[in-house]
Amino acid sequence: MGLYSFCSWGSQVMPIGHQHRRVEFPQLNGRRERGVAFELLNQRPCPIKIRASRTPESVDFEERTSPNEVRKEIQQCYNLIRRLGRGVVYLGSSRMGPDHKHYVQAQELGKEIAKLLDCTSWSGAGPGLMDAATKGALEAGKPVGGFKIGKEAGEWTASNFHPYLPSETYLTCRFFSARKHGLVDAVVRGSSSDKTAVVALPGGIGTLDEVFEILALIQLERIGSALPVPFLLMNYDSFYAKLLDFLDDCEHWGTVSKGEVGSLWKVCDSNSEALTYLSEFYDLPLQSEPGLQFGVTTMSGTS
């Protein structure tokens, strides 16, 4: 007669049939009378899938079964980009809402960059500053796209549905690797007519993860772009000042070469500085005088 126990393996739970085969383990002090005995299994585990109960808001994801699932999702990201077009990718906090002055600045920046570059605006399709950039681009009448991921800050990202974007303009990713492939591919420039950029708004761990991954790809020339891609770090109210100090310390310690990081991105303290840089990078005329209509008043937070 055997017994069954359960062990977990990734997203699966396996009932294991045991046959009686007793093995005893004495205590470390060698006193066998206080040892522990186990019944060892002779049969192979039989995997079964157990699904959590669904709520109307939950995402119906297939279990992660093989690398093919990741590959398939990456291809879906590429297909979405091919359909909507490459453009500007916004990275930023999902926690800074409409009542935050950086939200106002990000929304205005998203609008002005969309008009300047006349391109698609991409983001993680989440709340916070990602939402601000998306709304700004929509105000400019330009296309938007996004790669959502579950469990962003804010309840409305826990589902496959976006509050206002049409479902054909975004993809809810199961895998962070696929989402990152999409965010990178969206800024690849194949010709001089492609006007793209990476814009890093203030953010936390997720933002910094994406910032430094893309920065490393640019540094190592592995981003896959035939032409340079401008990378803007939006240092609103000196938000990234301590990060920049740390990178200066890295130069001092010799972990990065002098001037290396500065050559990979453009640090911008205001929207006008960012727009001026992009207009010069792509040799485009600004549609408004810098500093007047770009939401750059950082002390009061007005646009």
C-alpha atoms as a PDB file:
ATOM      1  CA  MET A   1       0.000   0.000   0.000  1.00  0.00           C
ATOM      2  CA  GLY A   2       1.345   3.444  -0.915  1.00  0.00           C
ATOM      3  CA  LEU A   3       0.625   7.025  -0.004  1.00  0.00           C
ATOM      4  CA  TYR A   4       0.397  10.246  -1.976  1.00  0.00           C
ATOM      5  CA  SER A   5       2.052  13.591  -1.316  1.00  0.00           C
ATOM      6  CA  PHE A   6       2.241  16.721  -3.415  1.00  0.00           C
ATOM      7  CA  CYS A   7       5.183  18.734  -4.659  1.00  0.00           C
ATOM      8  CA  SER A   8       5.264  21.823  -6.849  1.00  0.00           C
ATOM      9  CA  TRP A   9       7.175  22.252 -10.089  1.00  0.00           C
ATOM     10  CA  GLY A  10       6.821  25.709 -11.618  1.00  0.00           C
ATOM     11  CA  SER A  11       3.143  26.263 -12.344  1.00  0.00           C
ATOM     12  CA  GLN A  12       2.302  22.571 -11.885  1.00  0.00           C
ATOM     13  CA  VAL A  13       1.443  20.467  -8.879  1.00  0.00           C
ATOM     14  CA  MET A  14       2.439  16.815  -8.943  1.00  0.00           C
ATOM     15  CA  PRO A  15       0.853  14.043  -6.907  1.00  0.00           C
ATOM     16  CA  ILE A  16       3.544  11.505  -6.184  1.00  0.00           C
ATOM     17  CA  GLY A  17       2.772   7.840  -5.531  1.00  0.00           C
ATOM     18  CA  HIS A  18       4.999   6.348  -2.861  1.00  0.00           C
ATOM     19  CA  GLN A  19       5.863   2.748  -2.201  1.00  0.00           C
ATOM     20  CA  HIS A  20       6.996   1.713   1.258  1.00  0.00           C
ATOM     21  CA  ARG A  21      10.766   1.997   1.312  1.00  0.00           C
ATOM     22  CA  ARG A  22      11.910   3.169   4.729  1.00  0.00           C
ATOM     23  CA  VAL A  23      15.076   5.205   5.188  1.00  0.00           C
ATOM     24  CA  GLU A  24      16.114   6.536   8.562  1.00  0.00           C
ATOM     25  CA  PHE A  25      18.258   9.579   9.275  1.00  0.00           C
ATOM     26  CA  PRO A  26      19.867   9.871  12.719  1.00  0.00           C
ATOM     27  CA  GLN A  27      20.312  13.198  14.446  1.00  0.00           C
ATOM     28  CA  LEU A  28      23.587  14.993  13.908  1.00  0.00           C
ATOM     29  CA  ASN A  29      24.676  13.980  17.386  1.00  0.00           C
ATOM     30  CA  GLY A  30      24.565  10.335  16.306  1.00  0.00           C
ATOM     31  CA  ARG A  31      21.777   9.261  18.625  1.00  0.00           C
ATOM     32  CA  ARG A  32      19.676   7.015  16.401  1.00  0.00           C
ATOM     33  CA  GLU A  33      16.832   6.670  18.864  1.00  0.00           C
ATOM     34  CA  ARG A  34      15.770  10.203  17.963  1.00  0.00           C
ATOM     35  CA  GLY A  35      16.187   9.930  14.228  1.00  0.00           C
ATOM     36  CA  VAL A  36      13.670  10.757  11.471  1.00  0.00           C
ATOM     37  CA  ALA A  37      12.260   8.243   9.013  1.00  0.00           C
ATOM     38  CA  PHE A  38      10.910   8.934   5.502  1.00  0.00           C
ATOM     39  CA  GLU A  39       9.024   6.910   2.950  1.00  0.00           C
ATOM     40  CA  LEU A  40      10.828   7.270  -0.401  1.00  0.00           C
ATOM     41  CA  LEU A  41       9.000   7.250  -3.719  1.00  0.00           C
ATOM     42  CA  ASN A  42       9.503   4.592  -6.348  1.00  0.00           C
ATOM     43  CA  GLN A  43       7.084   5.966  -8.916  1.00  0.00           C
ATOM     44  CA  ARG A  44       7.514   8.896 -11.253  1.00  0.00           C
ATOM     45  CA  PRO A  45       5.492  12.078 -10.603  1.00  0.00           C
ATOM     46  CA  CYS A  46       2.431  12.651 -12.729  1.00  0.00           C
ATOM     47  CA  PRO A  47       2.012  16.360 -13.491  1.00  0.00           C
ATOM     48  CA  ILE A  48      -1.405  17.911 -13.439  1.00  0.00           C
ATOM     49  CA  LYS A  49      -2.426  21.548 -13.822  1.00  0.00           C
ATOM     50  CA  ILE A  50      -4.358  23.363 -11.149  1.00  0.00           C
ATOM     51  CA  ARG A  51      -5.953  26.679 -12.037  1.00  0.00           C
ATOM     52  CA  ALA A  52      -6.860  29.329  -9.542  1.00  0.00           C
ATOM     53  CA  SER A  53     -10.485  30.345  -9.477  1.00  0.00           C
ATOM     54  CA  ARG A  54     -11.202  33.144 -11.887  1.00  0.00           C
ATOM     55  CA  THR A  55     -12.683  36.502 -11.219  1.00  0.00           C
ATOM     56  CA  PRO A  56     -14.128  38.695 -13.955  1.00  0.00           C
ATOM     57  CA  GLU A  57     -11.005  40.874 -13.749  1.00  0.00           C
ATOM     58  CA  SER A  58      -8.423  38.078 -13.978  1.00  0.00           C
ATOM     59  CA  VAL A  59      -6.420  37.384 -17.105  1.00  0.00           C
ATOM     60  CA  ASP A  60      -6.947  33.993 -18.685  1.00  0.00           C
ATOM     61  CA  PHE A  61      -3.320  33.048 -19.275  1.00  0.00           C
ATOM     62  CA  GLU A  62      -2.192  29.679 -20.557  1.00  0.00           C
ATOM     63  CA  GLU A  63       0.359  27.983 -18.371  1.00  0.00           C
ATOM     64  CA  ARG A  64       4.010  28.526 -19.237  1.00  0.00           C
ATOM     65  CA  THR A  65       4.691  25.236 -21.005  1.00  0.00           C
ATOM     66  CA  SER A  66       7.700  25.770 -23.280  1.00  0.00           C
ATOM     67  CA  PRO A  67      10.026  28.383 -24.810  1.00  0.00           C
ATOM     68  CA  ASN A  68       7.717  28.350 -27.795  1.00  0.00           C
ATOM     69  CA  GLU A  69       5.189  30.334 -25.760  1.00  0.00           C
ATOM     70  CA  VAL A  70       7.748  33.105 -25.202  1.00  0.00           C
ATOM     71  CA  ARG A  71       8.744  33.053 -28.850  1.00  0.00           C
ATOM     72  CA  LYS A  72       5.117  33.265 -29.924  1.00  0.00           C
ATOM     73  CA  GLU A  73       4.476  36.258 -27.690  1.00  0.00           C
ATOM     74  CA  ILE A  74       7.575  38.063 -28.980  1.00  0.00           C
ATOM     75  CA  GLN A  75       6.277  37.560 -32.508  1.00  0.00           C
ATOM     76  CA  GLN A  76       2.934  39.046 -31.464  1.00  0.00           C
ATOM     77  CA  CYS A  77       4.783  42.119 -30.203  1.00  0.00           C
ATOM     78  CA  TYR A  78       6.618  42.439 -33.502  1.00  0.00           C
ATOM     79  CA  ASN A  79       3.386  42.073 -35.446  1.00  0.00           C
ATOM     80  CA  LEU A  80       1.754  44.864 -33.433  1.00  0.00           C
ATOM     81  CA  ILE A  81       4.707  47.177 -34.080  1.00  0.00           C
ATOM     82  CA  ARG A  82       4.664  46.357 -37.778  1.00  0.00           C
ATOM     83  CA  ARG A  83       0.990  47.272 -37.899  1.00  0.00           C
ATOM     84  CA  LEU A  84       1.134  50.503 -35.864  1.00  0.00           C
ATOM     85  CA  GLY A  85       4.623  51.703 -36.774  1.00  0.00           C
ATOM     86  CA  ARG A  86       7.750  52.423 -34.777  1.00  0.00           C
ATOM     87  CA  GLY A  87       8.174  55.615 -32.800  1.00  0.00           C
ATOM     88  CA  VAL A  88       8.871  56.909 -29.305  1.00  0.00           C
ATOM     89  CA  VAL A  89       8.945  54.577 -26.299  1.00  0.00           C
ATOM     90  CA  TYR A  90       8.108  56.070 -22.905  1.00  0.00           C
ATOM     91  CA  LEU A  91       9.388  54.471 -19.718  1.00  0.00           C
ATOM     92  CA  GLY A  92       8.093  55.783 -16.421  1.00  0.00           C
ATOM     93  CA  SER A  93       6.407  55.342 -13.092  1.00  0.00           C
ATOM     94  CA  SER A  94       3.005  53.698 -12.866  1.00  0.00           C
ATOM     95  CA  ARG A  95       2.434  55.375  -9.480  1.00  0.00           C
ATOM     96  CA  MET A  96       2.495  59.089 -10.335  1.00  0.00           C
ATOM     97  CA  GLY A  97      -1.137  59.930 -11.049  1.00  0.00           C
ATOM     98  CA  PRO A  98      -2.894  62.921 -12.605  1.00  0.00           C
ATOM     99  CA  ASP A  99      -2.489  64.945  -9.402  1.00  0.00           C
ATOM    100  CA  HIS A 100       1.319  64.807  -9.681  1.00  0.00           C
ATOM    101  CA  LYS A 101       3.080  67.635 -11.510  1.00  0.00           C
ATOM    102  CA  HIS A 102       5.321  65.161 -13.361  1.00  0.00           C
ATOM    103  CA  TYR A 103       2.150  63.658 -14.848  1.00  0.00           C
ATOM    104  CA  VAL A 104       1.228  67.050 -16.269  1.00  0.00           C
ATOM    105  CA  GLN A 105       4.709  67.507 -17.712  1.00  0.00           C
ATOM    106  CA  ALA A 106       4.781  63.995 -19.175  1.00  0.00           C
ATOM    107  CA  GLN A 107       1.401  64.471 -20.828  1.00  0.00           C
ATOM    108  CA  GLU A 108       2.492  67.710 -22.433  1.00  0.00           C
ATOM    109  CA  LEU A 109       5.781  66.143 -23.533  1.00  0.00           C
ATOM    110  CA  GLY A 110       3.959  63.191 -25.081  1.00  0.00           C
ATOM    111  CA  LYS A 111       1.762  65.569 -27.062  1.00  0.00           C
ATOM    112  CA  GLU A 112       4.594  67.757 -28.325  1.00  0.00           C
ATOM    113  CA  ILE A 113       6.918  64.891 -29.267  1.00  0.00           C
ATOM    114  CA  ALA A 114       4.108  63.141 -31.157  1.00  0.00           C
ATOM    115  CA  LYS A 115       3.514  66.311 -33.152  1.00  0.00           C
ATOM    116  CA  LEU A 116       7.229  66.946 -33.711  1.00  0.00           C
ATOM    117  CA  LEU A 117       8.195  63.451 -34.863  1.00  0.00           C
ATOM    118  CA  ASP A 118       4.782  62.492 -36.318  1.00  0.00           C
ATOM    119  CA  CYS A 119       5.131  58.935 -35.077  1.00  0.00           C
ATOM    120  CA  THR A 120       3.509  56.274 -32.908  1.00  0.00           C
ATOM    121  CA  SER A 121       3.919  56.631 -29.149  1.00  0.00           C
ATOM    122  CA  TRP A 122       4.625  53.414 -27.237  1.00  0.00           C
ATOM    123  CA  SER A 123       4.612  52.605 -23.539  1.00  0.00           C
ATOM    124  CA  GLY A 124       3.800  49.862 -21.068  1.00  0.00           C
ATOM    125  CA  ALA A 125       0.129  50.870 -21.462  1.00  0.00           C
ATOM    126  CA  GLY A 126      -0.145  51.181 -17.706  1.00  0.00           C
ATOM    127  CA  PRO A 127      -1.232  53.976 -15.370  1.00  0.00           C
ATOM    128  CA  GLY A 128       0.857  56.866 -14.080  1.00  0.00           C
ATOM    129  CA  LEU A 129       3.357  58.527 -16.392  1.00  0.00           C
ATOM    130  CA  MET A 130       2.817  55.881 -19.065  1.00  0.00           C
ATOM    131  CA  ASP A 131      -0.826  56.934 -19.143  1.00  0.00           C
ATOM    132  CA  ALA A 132       0.191  60.611 -19.257  1.00  0.00           C
ATOM    133  CA  ALA A 133       2.363  60.093 -22.350  1.00  0.00           C
ATOM    134  CA  THR A 134      -0.386  58.049 -24.006  1.00  0.00           C
ATOM    135  CA  LYS A 135      -3.011  60.735 -23.416  1.00  0.00           C
ATOM    136  CA  GLY A 136      -0.645  63.403 -24.684  1.00  0.00           C
ATOM    137  CA  ALA A 137      -0.104  61.554 -27.950  1.00  0.00           C
ATOM    138  CA  LEU A 138      -3.844  61.043 -28.358  1.00  0.00           C
ATOM    139  CA  GLU A 139      -4.389  64.768 -27.812  1.00  0.00           C
ATOM    140  CA  ALA A 140      -1.982  65.337 -30.699  1.00  0.00           C
ATOM    141  CA  GLY A 141      -4.089  63.031 -32.868  1.00  0.00           C
ATOM    142  CA  LYS A 142      -1.251  60.526 -33.305  1.00  0.00           C
ATOM    143  CA  PRO A 143      -1.342  56.715 -32.981  1.00  0.00           C
ATOM    144  CA  VAL A 144      -0.425  54.954 -29.751  1.00  0.00           C
ATOM    145  CA  GLY A 145       0.458  51.385 -28.854  1.00  0.00           C
ATOM    146  CA  GLY A 146       1.406  49.503 -25.729  1.00  0.00           C
ATOM    147  CA  PHE A 147       2.655  46.349 -24.103  1.00  0.00           C
ATOM    148  CA  LYS A 148       0.819  45.712 -20.856  1.00  0.00           C
ATOM    149  CA  ILE A 149       1.956  43.405 -18.094  1.00  0.00           C
ATOM    150  CA  GLY A 150      -0.042  42.096 -15.171  1.00  0.00           C
ATOM    151  CA  LYS A 151       0.351  43.446 -11.630  1.00  0.00           C
ATOM    152  CA  GLU A 152       1.445  46.982 -12.405  1.00  0.00           C
ATOM    153  CA  ALA A 153       0.565  49.479  -9.714  1.00  0.00           C
ATOM    154  CA  GLY A 154      -3.140  50.203  -9.969  1.00  0.00           C
ATOM    155  CA  GLU A 155      -5.988  47.735 -10.162  1.00  0.00           C
ATOM    156  CA  TRP A 156      -6.924  48.399 -13.777  1.00  0.00           C
ATOM    157  CA  THR A 157      -3.713  46.813 -15.049  1.00  0.00           C
ATOM    158  CA  ALA A 158      -4.487  43.452 -13.486  1.00  0.00           C
ATOM    159  CA  SER A 159      -6.702  42.536 -16.407  1.00  0.00           C
ATOM    160  CA  ASN A 160      -6.359  42.190 -20.142  1.00  0.00           C
ATOM    161  CA  PHE A 161      -8.405  45.340 -20.665  1.00  0.00           C
ATOM    162  CA  HIS A 162      -7.333  48.964 -20.976  1.00  0.00           C
ATOM    163  CA  PRO A 163      -9.766  51.629 -19.763  1.00  0.00           C
ATOM    164  CA  TYR A 164      -9.900  53.518 -23.054  1.00  0.00           C
ATOM    165  CA  LEU A 165      -7.477  52.153 -25.685  1.00  0.00           C
ATOM    166  CA  PRO A 166      -8.931  49.928 -28.420  1.00  0.00           C
ATOM    167  CA  SER A 167      -7.897  46.316 -27.905  1.00  0.00           C
ATOM    168  CA  GLU A 168      -6.142  46.200 -31.271  1.00  0.00           C
ATOM    169  CA  THR A 169      -3.616  48.833 -30.149  1.00  0.00           C
ATOM    170  CA  TYR A 170      -2.038  46.986 -27.237  1.00  0.00           C
ATOM    171  CA  LEU A 171      -0.935  43.540 -26.167  1.00  0.00           C
ATOM    172  CA  THR A 172      -1.065  42.094 -22.668  1.00  0.00           C
ATOM    173  CA  CYS A 173       2.182  40.192 -22.192  1.00  0.00           C
ATOM    174  CA  ARG A 174       2.656  37.166 -19.973  1.00  0.00           C
ATOM    175  CA  PHE A 175       6.429  37.385 -20.163  1.00  0.00           C
ATOM    176  CA  PHE A 176       8.618  40.351 -19.310  1.00  0.00           C
ATOM    177  CA  SER A 177      11.138  39.196 -21.889  1.00  0.00           C
ATOM    178  CA  ALA A 178       8.549  39.501 -24.655  1.00  0.00           C
ATOM    179  CA  ARG A 179       7.456  42.918 -23.412  1.00  0.00           C
ATOM    180  CA  LYS A 180      11.056  44.146 -23.434  1.00  0.00           C
ATOM    181  CA  HIS A 181      11.594  42.815 -26.942  1.00  0.00           C
ATOM    182  CA  GLY A 182       8.590  44.851 -28.005  1.00  0.00           C
ATOM    183  CA  LEU A 183       9.722  48.047 -26.284  1.00  0.00           C
ATOM    184  CA  VAL A 184      13.151  47.766 -27.898  1.00  0.00           C
ATOM    185  CA  ASP A 185      11.921  46.860 -31.374  1.00  0.00           C
ATOM    186  CA  ALA A 186       9.542  49.832 -31.335  1.00  0.00           C
ATOM    187  CA  VAL A 187      12.504  52.258 -31.479  1.00  0.00           C
ATOM    188  CA  VAL A 188      14.664  50.442 -34.048  1.00  0.00           C
ATOM    189  CA  ARG A 189      15.506  52.681 -37.010  1.00  0.00           C
ATOM    190  CA  GLY A 190      15.851  50.988 -40.374  1.00  0.00           C
ATOM    191  CA  SER A 191      16.162  54.170 -42.425  1.00  0.00           C
ATOM    192  CA  SER A 192      16.549  57.926 -42.029  1.00  0.00           C
ATOM    193  CA  SER A 193      12.789  58.314 -42.377  1.00  0.00           C
ATOM    194  CA  ASP A 194      12.281  56.453 -39.083  1.00  0.00           C
ATOM    195  CA  LYS A 195      12.033  58.979 -36.251  1.00  0.00           C
ATOM    196  CA  THR A 196      12.169  57.192 -32.936  1.00  0.00           C
ATOM    197  CA  ALA A 197      13.414  57.824 -29.407  1.00  0.00           C
ATOM    198  CA  VAL A 198      13.516  56.407 -25.906  1.00  0.00           C
ATOM    199  CA  VAL A 199      12.171  58.784 -23.252  1.00  0.00           C
ATOM    200  CA  ALA A 200      12.816  57.820 -19.638  1.00  0.00           C
ATOM    201  CA  LEU A 201      10.470  59.662 -17.305  1.00  0.00           C
ATOM    202  CA  PRO A 202      10.804  59.535 -13.501  1.00  0.00           C
ATOM    203  CA  GLY A 203      10.190  56.034 -12.213  1.00  0.00           C
ATOM    204  CA  GLY A 204      11.107  53.239  -9.837  1.00  0.00           C
ATOM    205  CA  ILE A 205      12.498  49.723 -10.061  1.00  0.00           C
ATOM    206  CA  GLY A 206      10.680  48.702 -13.239  1.00  0.00           C
ATOM    207  CA  THR A 207      11.612  51.916 -15.006  1.00  0.00           C
ATOM    208  CA  LEU A 208      15.269  51.629 -13.999  1.00  0.00           C
ATOM    209  CA  ASP A 209      15.328  47.999 -15.135  1.00  0.00           C
ATOM    210  CA  GLU A 210      14.145  49.017 -18.602  1.00  0.00           C
ATOM    211  CA  VAL A 211      16.352  52.114 -18.710  1.00  0.00           C
ATOM    212  CA  PHE A 212      19.578  50.257 -18.034  1.00  0.00           C
ATOM    213  CA  GLU A 213      18.717  47.292 -20.219  1.00  0.00           C
ATOM    214  CA  ILE A 214      18.130  49.545 -23.219  1.00  0.00           C
ATOM    215  CA  LEU A 215      21.161  51.654 -22.299  1.00  0.00           C
ATOM    216  CA  ALA A 216      23.329  48.512 -22.246  1.00  0.00           C
ATOM    217  CA  LEU A 217      21.997  47.460 -25.653  1.00  0.00           C
ATOM    218  CA  ILE A 218      22.928  50.868 -27.063  1.00  0.00           C
ATOM    219  CA  GLN A 219      26.339  50.739 -25.393  1.00  0.00           C
ATOM    220  CA  LEU A 220      27.115  47.277 -26.786  1.00  0.00           C
ATOM    221  CA  GLU A 221      25.576  48.076 -30.186  1.00  0.00           C
ATOM    222  CA  ARG A 222      23.066  45.252 -29.776  1.00  0.00           C
ATOM    223  CA  ILE A 223      19.870  47.237 -30.075  1.00  0.00           C
ATOM    224  CA  GLY A 224      19.525  46.135 -33.687  1.00  0.00           C
ATOM    225  CA  SER A 225      19.126  49.609 -35.146  1.00  0.00           C
ATOM    226  CA  ALA A 226      20.873  50.603 -38.362  1.00  0.00           C
ATOM    227  CA  LEU A 227      20.910  54.245 -37.210  1.00  0.00           C
ATOM    228  CA  PRO A 228      21.399  55.935 -33.827  1.00  0.00           C
ATOM    229  CA  VAL A 229      18.408  56.113 -31.489  1.00  0.00           C
ATOM    230  CA  PRO A 230      18.192  59.171 -29.210  1.00  0.00           C
ATOM    231  CA  PHE A 231      17.764  58.358 -25.520  1.00  0.00           C
ATOM    232  CA  LEU A 232      16.381  61.101 -23.262  1.00  0.00           C
ATOM    233  CA  LEU A 233      16.476  60.985 -19.471  1.00  0.00           C
ATOM    234  CA  MET A 234      13.872  63.403 -18.131  1.00  0.00           C
ATOM    235  CA  ASN A 235      15.381  64.793 -14.950  1.00  0.00           C
ATOM    236  CA  TYR A 236      12.298  66.686 -13.761  1.00  0.00           C
ATOM    237  CA  ASP A 237      13.025  68.567 -10.541  1.00  0.00           C
ATOM    238  CA  SER A 238      16.430  66.822 -10.356  1.00  0.00           C
ATOM    239  CA  PHE A 239      14.643  63.489  -9.887  1.00  0.00           C
ATOM    240  CA  TYR A 240      17.623  61.539 -11.226  1.00  0.00           C
ATOM    241  CA  ALA A 241      20.322  63.722  -9.638  1.00  0.00           C
ATOM    242  CA  LYS A 242      21.503  61.054  -7.181  1.00  0.00           C
ATOM    243  CA  LEU A 243      21.511  58.410  -9.902  1.00  0.00           C
ATOM    244  CA  LEU A 244      23.693  60.661 -12.023  1.00  0.00           C
ATOM    245  CA  ASP A 245      25.975  61.223  -9.022  1.00  0.00           C
ATOM    246  CA  PHE A 246      26.275  57.455  -8.626  1.00  0.00           C
ATOM    247  CA  LEU A 247      27.243  57.074 -12.288  1.00  0.00           C
ATOM    248  CA  ASP A 248      29.879  59.774 -11.785  1.00  0.00           C
ATOM    249  CA  ASP A 249      31.192  57.692  -8.879  1.00  0.00           C
ATOM    250  CA  CYS A 250      31.329  54.709 -11.233  1.00  0.00           C
ATOM    251  CA  GLU A 251      33.686  56.721 -13.415  1.00  0.00           C
ATOM    252  CA  HIS A 252      35.827  57.451 -10.360  1.00  0.00           C
ATOM    253  CA  TRP A 253      35.991  53.741  -9.493  1.00  0.00           C
ATOM    254  CA  GLY A 254      36.709  52.810 -13.091  1.00  0.00           C
ATOM    255  CA  THR A 255      33.633  50.671 -13.673  1.00  0.00           C
ATOM    256  CA  VAL A 256      32.633  52.874 -16.612  1.00  0.00           C
ATOM    257  CA  SER A 257      34.866  54.934 -18.853  1.00  0.00           C
ATOM    258  CA  LYS A 258      34.979  58.686 -18.462  1.00  0.00           C
ATOM    259  CA  GLY A 259      32.164  60.279 -20.432  1.00  0.00           C
ATOM    260  CA  GLU A 260      30.829  56.883 -21.506  1.00  0.00           C
ATOM    261  CA  VAL A 261      27.356  57.161 -19.961  1.00  0.00           C
ATOM    262  CA  GLY A 262      26.958  60.761 -21.022  1.00  0.00           C
ATOM    263  CA  SER A 263      27.570  59.757 -24.630  1.00  0.00           C
ATOM    264  CA  LEU A 264      24.698  57.259 -24.533  1.00  0.00           C
ATOM    265  CA  TRP A 265      21.872  59.573 -23.512  1.00  0.00           C
ATOM    266  CA  LYS A 266      20.783  63.167 -23.188  1.00  0.00           C
ATOM    267  CA  VAL A 267      19.823  64.350 -19.702  1.00  0.00           C
ATOM    268  CA  CYS A 268      17.007  66.895 -19.953  1.00  0.00           C
ATOM    269  CA  ASP A 269      15.767  69.050 -17.098  1.00  0.00           C
ATOM    270  CA  SER A 270      12.710  70.322 -18.985  1.00  0.00           C
ATOM    271  CA  ASN A 271      10.400  69.516 -21.867  1.00  0.00           C
ATOM    272  CA  SER A 272      11.763  72.398 -23.917  1.00  0.00           C
ATOM    273  CA  GLU A 273      15.274  70.992 -23.629  1.00  0.00           C
ATOM    274  CA  ALA A 274      14.058  67.574 -24.780  1.00  0.00           C
ATOM    275  CA  LEU A 275      12.153  68.998 -27.741  1.00  0.00           C
ATOM    276  CA  THR A 276      15.056  71.175 -28.800  1.00  0.00           C
ATOM    277  CA  TYR A 277      17.378  68.179 -28.684  1.00  0.00           C
ATOM    278  CA  LEU A 278      15.057  66.027 -30.800  1.00  0.00           C
ATOM    279  CA  SER A 279      14.450  68.790 -33.316  1.00  0.00           C
ATOM    280  CA  GLU A 280      18.207  69.191 -33.756  1.00  0.00           C
ATOM    281  CA  PHE A 281      18.811  65.444 -33.846  1.00  0.00           C
ATOM    282  CA  TYR A 282      16.320  64.979 -36.691  1.00  0.00           C
ATOM    283  CA  ASP A 283      16.763  68.443 -38.211  1.00  0.00           C
ATOM    284  CA  LEU A 284      13.100  69.317 -37.716  1.00  0.00           C
ATOM    285  CA  PRO A 285      11.543  72.724 -37.053  1.00  0.00           C
ATOM    286  CA  LEU A 286       9.870  73.218 -33.688  1.00  0.00           C
ATOM    287  CA  GLN A 287       6.188  74.011 -33.984  1.00  0.00           C
ATOM    288  CA  SER A 288       6.196  76.281 -30.949  1.00  0.00           C
ATOM    289  CA  GLU A 289       8.742  78.477 -29.270  1.00  0.00           C
ATOM    290  CA  PRO A 290      10.610  76.365 -26.655  1.00  0.00           C
ATOM    291  CA  GLY A 291       9.673  77.118 -23.082  1.00  0.00           C
ATOM    292  CA  LEU A 292       6.259  78.681 -23.726  1.00  0.00           C
ATOM    293  CA  GLN A 293       3.882  75.802 -24.431  1.00  0.00           C
ATOM    294  CA  PHE A 294       5.734  72.691 -23.377  1.00  0.00           C
ATOM    295  CA  GLY A 295       4.769  72.377 -19.702  1.00  0.00           C
ATOM    296  CA  VAL A 296       8.249  73.192 -18.422  1.00  0.00           C
ATOM    297  CA  THR A 297       7.356  75.190 -15.325  1.00  0.00           C
ATOM    298  CA  THR A 298       8.733  72.799 -12.738  1.00  0.00           C
ATOM    299  CA  MET A 299       8.272  74.923  -9.610  1.00  0.00           C
ATOM    300  CA  SER A 300       4.533  75.326  -9.839  1.00  0.00           C
ATOM    301  CA  GLY A 301       3.819  72.182 -11.850  1.00  0.00           C
ATOM    302  CA  THR A 302       1.536  74.006 -14.320  1.00  0.00           C
ATOM    303  CA  SER A 303       1.571  73.356 -18.041  1.00  0.00           C
END
